[in-house]
Amino acid sequence: MFTLIDFEESPGHSPFRKWYLALDSQASPKIDTVLAKLELGVHSNIKWFRGIGEYVLNWGPGYRIYLIADGDNLIVLLGGGTKSGQ
């Protein structure tokens, strides 16, 4: 099991949470499923670049979740976006 936490740029300001809350009603359940998979340790859709992971969801505009791993059981969610906004 992995623990997911949001990175905060300043107290109460999470880029991931801001992005997530702006998703439409079709996209947010898809992202919820990705988060559940990450918590279970399913990391097959993550591409790693210099310590930063990009989880690729091939649905809709191509959602991305950016993250880092801190130790063996913690994932820090940095932000989200779409393929066109990389």
C-alpha atoms as a PDB file:
ATOM      1  CA  MET A   1       0.000   0.000   0.000  1.00  0.00           C
ATOM      2  CA  PHE A   2       1.143   3.515  -0.779  1.00  0.00           C
ATOM      3  CA  THR A   3       0.178   6.753   0.882  1.00  0.00           C
ATOM      4  CA  LEU A   4      -0.643   9.676  -1.416  1.00  0.00           C
ATOM      5  CA  ILE A   5      -0.158  13.247  -0.278  1.00  0.00           C
ATOM      6  CA  ASP A   6      -0.461  16.555  -2.083  1.00  0.00           C
ATOM      7  CA  PHE A   7       2.578  18.762  -2.438  1.00  0.00           C
ATOM      8  CA  GLU A   8       1.835  22.238  -1.045  1.00  0.00           C
ATOM      9  CA  GLU A   9       3.695  25.225  -2.492  1.00  0.00           C
ATOM     10  CA  SER A  10       2.577  27.153   0.563  1.00  0.00           C
ATOM     11  CA  PRO A  11       0.224  26.180   3.406  1.00  0.00           C
ATOM     12  CA  GLY A  12      -3.137  25.243   1.900  1.00  0.00           C
ATOM     13  CA  HIS A  13      -2.032  25.750  -1.727  1.00  0.00           C
ATOM     14  CA  SER A  14      -1.759  22.454  -3.608  1.00  0.00           C
ATOM     15  CA  PRO A  15      -1.327  22.606  -7.405  1.00  0.00           C
ATOM     16  CA  PHE A  16      -2.659  19.053  -7.722  1.00  0.00           C
ATOM     17  CA  ARG A  17      -5.761  19.759  -5.615  1.00  0.00           C
ATOM     18  CA  LYS A  18      -6.476  22.964  -7.581  1.00  0.00           C
ATOM     19  CA  TRP A  19      -6.245  21.041 -10.868  1.00  0.00           C
ATOM     20  CA  TYR A  20      -8.339  18.142  -9.535  1.00  0.00           C
ATOM     21  CA  LEU A  21     -11.136  20.388  -8.274  1.00  0.00           C
ATOM     22  CA  ALA A  22     -11.401  22.018 -11.719  1.00  0.00           C
ATOM     23  CA  LEU A  23     -12.004  18.697 -13.521  1.00  0.00           C
ATOM     24  CA  ASP A  24     -15.401  18.027 -15.037  1.00  0.00           C
ATOM     25  CA  SER A  25     -17.805  15.367 -13.761  1.00  0.00           C
ATOM     26  CA  GLN A  26     -16.602  12.782 -16.301  1.00  0.00           C
ATOM     27  CA  ALA A  27     -12.882  13.246 -15.681  1.00  0.00           C
ATOM     28  CA  SER A  28     -12.839  13.289 -11.880  1.00  0.00           C
ATOM     29  CA  PRO A  29     -14.005   9.647 -11.494  1.00  0.00           C
ATOM     30  CA  LYS A  30     -11.296   8.590 -13.966  1.00  0.00           C
ATOM     31  CA  ILE A  31      -8.675  10.400 -11.878  1.00  0.00           C
ATOM     32  CA  ASP A  32     -10.129   8.856  -8.702  1.00  0.00           C
ATOM     33  CA  THR A  33      -9.533   5.434 -10.257  1.00  0.00           C
ATOM     34  CA  VAL A  34      -5.926   6.351 -11.064  1.00  0.00           C
ATOM     35  CA  LEU A  35      -5.363   7.527  -7.485  1.00  0.00           C
ATOM     36  CA  ALA A  36      -6.814   4.279  -6.124  1.00  0.00           C
ATOM     37  CA  LYS A  37      -4.487   2.282  -8.383  1.00  0.00           C
ATOM     38  CA  LEU A  38      -1.495   4.315  -7.210  1.00  0.00           C
ATOM     39  CA  GLU A  39      -2.423   3.627  -3.597  1.00  0.00           C
ATOM     40  CA  LEU A  40      -2.532  -0.096  -4.394  1.00  0.00           C
ATOM     41  CA  GLY A  41       0.907   0.008  -5.967  1.00  0.00           C
ATOM     42  CA  VAL A  42      -0.104  -0.200  -9.638  1.00  0.00           C
ATOM     43  CA  HIS A  43       2.533   1.974 -11.257  1.00  0.00           C
ATOM     44  CA  SER A  44       2.698   0.518 -14.760  1.00  0.00           C
ATOM     45  CA  ASN A  45       1.536   3.733 -16.442  1.00  0.00           C
ATOM     46  CA  ILE A  46       4.233   5.907 -14.850  1.00  0.00           C
ATOM     47  CA  LYS A  47       7.124   7.157 -16.962  1.00  0.00           C
ATOM     48  CA  TRP A  48      10.079   8.419 -14.902  1.00  0.00           C
ATOM     49  CA  PHE A  49      12.268  11.363 -15.901  1.00  0.00           C
ATOM     50  CA  ARG A  50      15.032  12.411 -13.506  1.00  0.00           C
ATOM     51  CA  GLY A  51      13.070  11.413 -10.412  1.00  0.00           C
ATOM     52  CA  ILE A  52       9.725  12.887 -11.493  1.00  0.00           C
ATOM     53  CA  GLY A  53       6.990  10.515 -12.560  1.00  0.00           C
ATOM     54  CA  GLU A  54       4.324  11.163 -15.150  1.00  0.00           C
ATOM     55  CA  TYR A  55       1.260   8.942 -14.908  1.00  0.00           C
ATOM     56  CA  VAL A  56      -0.378   8.837 -18.342  1.00  0.00           C
ATOM     57  CA  LEU A  57      -4.129   8.279 -18.567  1.00  0.00           C
ATOM     58  CA  ASN A  58      -5.038   7.577 -22.184  1.00  0.00           C
ATOM     59  CA  TRP A  59      -8.554   8.932 -21.968  1.00  0.00           C
ATOM     60  CA  GLY A  60     -10.101  12.215 -23.074  1.00  0.00           C
ATOM     61  CA  PRO A  61      -7.426  14.824 -23.750  1.00  0.00           C
ATOM     62  CA  GLY A  62      -4.716  12.546 -22.323  1.00  0.00           C
ATOM     63  CA  TYR A  63      -4.626  13.384 -18.633  1.00  0.00           C
ATOM     64  CA  ARG A  64      -1.290  13.453 -16.809  1.00  0.00           C
ATOM     65  CA  ILE A  65      -0.514  13.276 -13.104  1.00  0.00           C
ATOM     66  CA  TYR A  66       2.943  14.406 -12.023  1.00  0.00           C
ATOM     67  CA  LEU A  67       4.449  12.884  -8.905  1.00  0.00           C
ATOM     68  CA  ILE A  68       7.538  11.881  -7.015  1.00  0.00           C
ATOM     69  CA  ALA A  69       8.159   8.847  -4.846  1.00  0.00           C
ATOM     70  CA  ASP A  70       9.541   9.450  -1.381  1.00  0.00           C
ATOM     71  CA  GLY A  71      10.728   6.145   0.016  1.00  0.00           C
ATOM     72  CA  ASP A  72       8.974   2.875  -0.585  1.00  0.00           C
ATOM     73  CA  ASN A  73       5.438   3.762   0.495  1.00  0.00           C
ATOM     74  CA  LEU A  74       4.816   7.446  -0.185  1.00  0.00           C
ATOM     75  CA  ILE A  75       3.814   9.230  -3.358  1.00  0.00           C
ATOM     76  CA  VAL A  76       3.719  13.017  -3.475  1.00  0.00           C
ATOM     77  CA  LEU A  77       1.269  14.419  -6.036  1.00  0.00           C
ATOM     78  CA  LEU A  78       2.808  17.473  -7.702  1.00  0.00           C
ATOM     79  CA  GLY A  79       0.181  18.451 -10.228  1.00  0.00           C
ATOM     80  CA  GLY A  80      -1.925  17.403 -13.172  1.00  0.00           C
ATOM     81  CA  GLY A  81      -2.623  18.391 -16.717  1.00  0.00           C
ATOM     82  CA  THR A  82      -3.276  17.129 -20.216  1.00  0.00           C
ATOM     83  CA  LYS A  83      -1.072  16.039 -23.055  1.00  0.00           C
ATOM     84  CA  SER A  84      -1.547  19.373 -24.821  1.00  0.00           C
ATOM     85  CA  GLY A  85      -0.509  21.298 -21.713  1.00  0.00           C
ATOM     86  CA  GLN A  86       2.797  19.524 -21.072  1.00  0.00           C
END
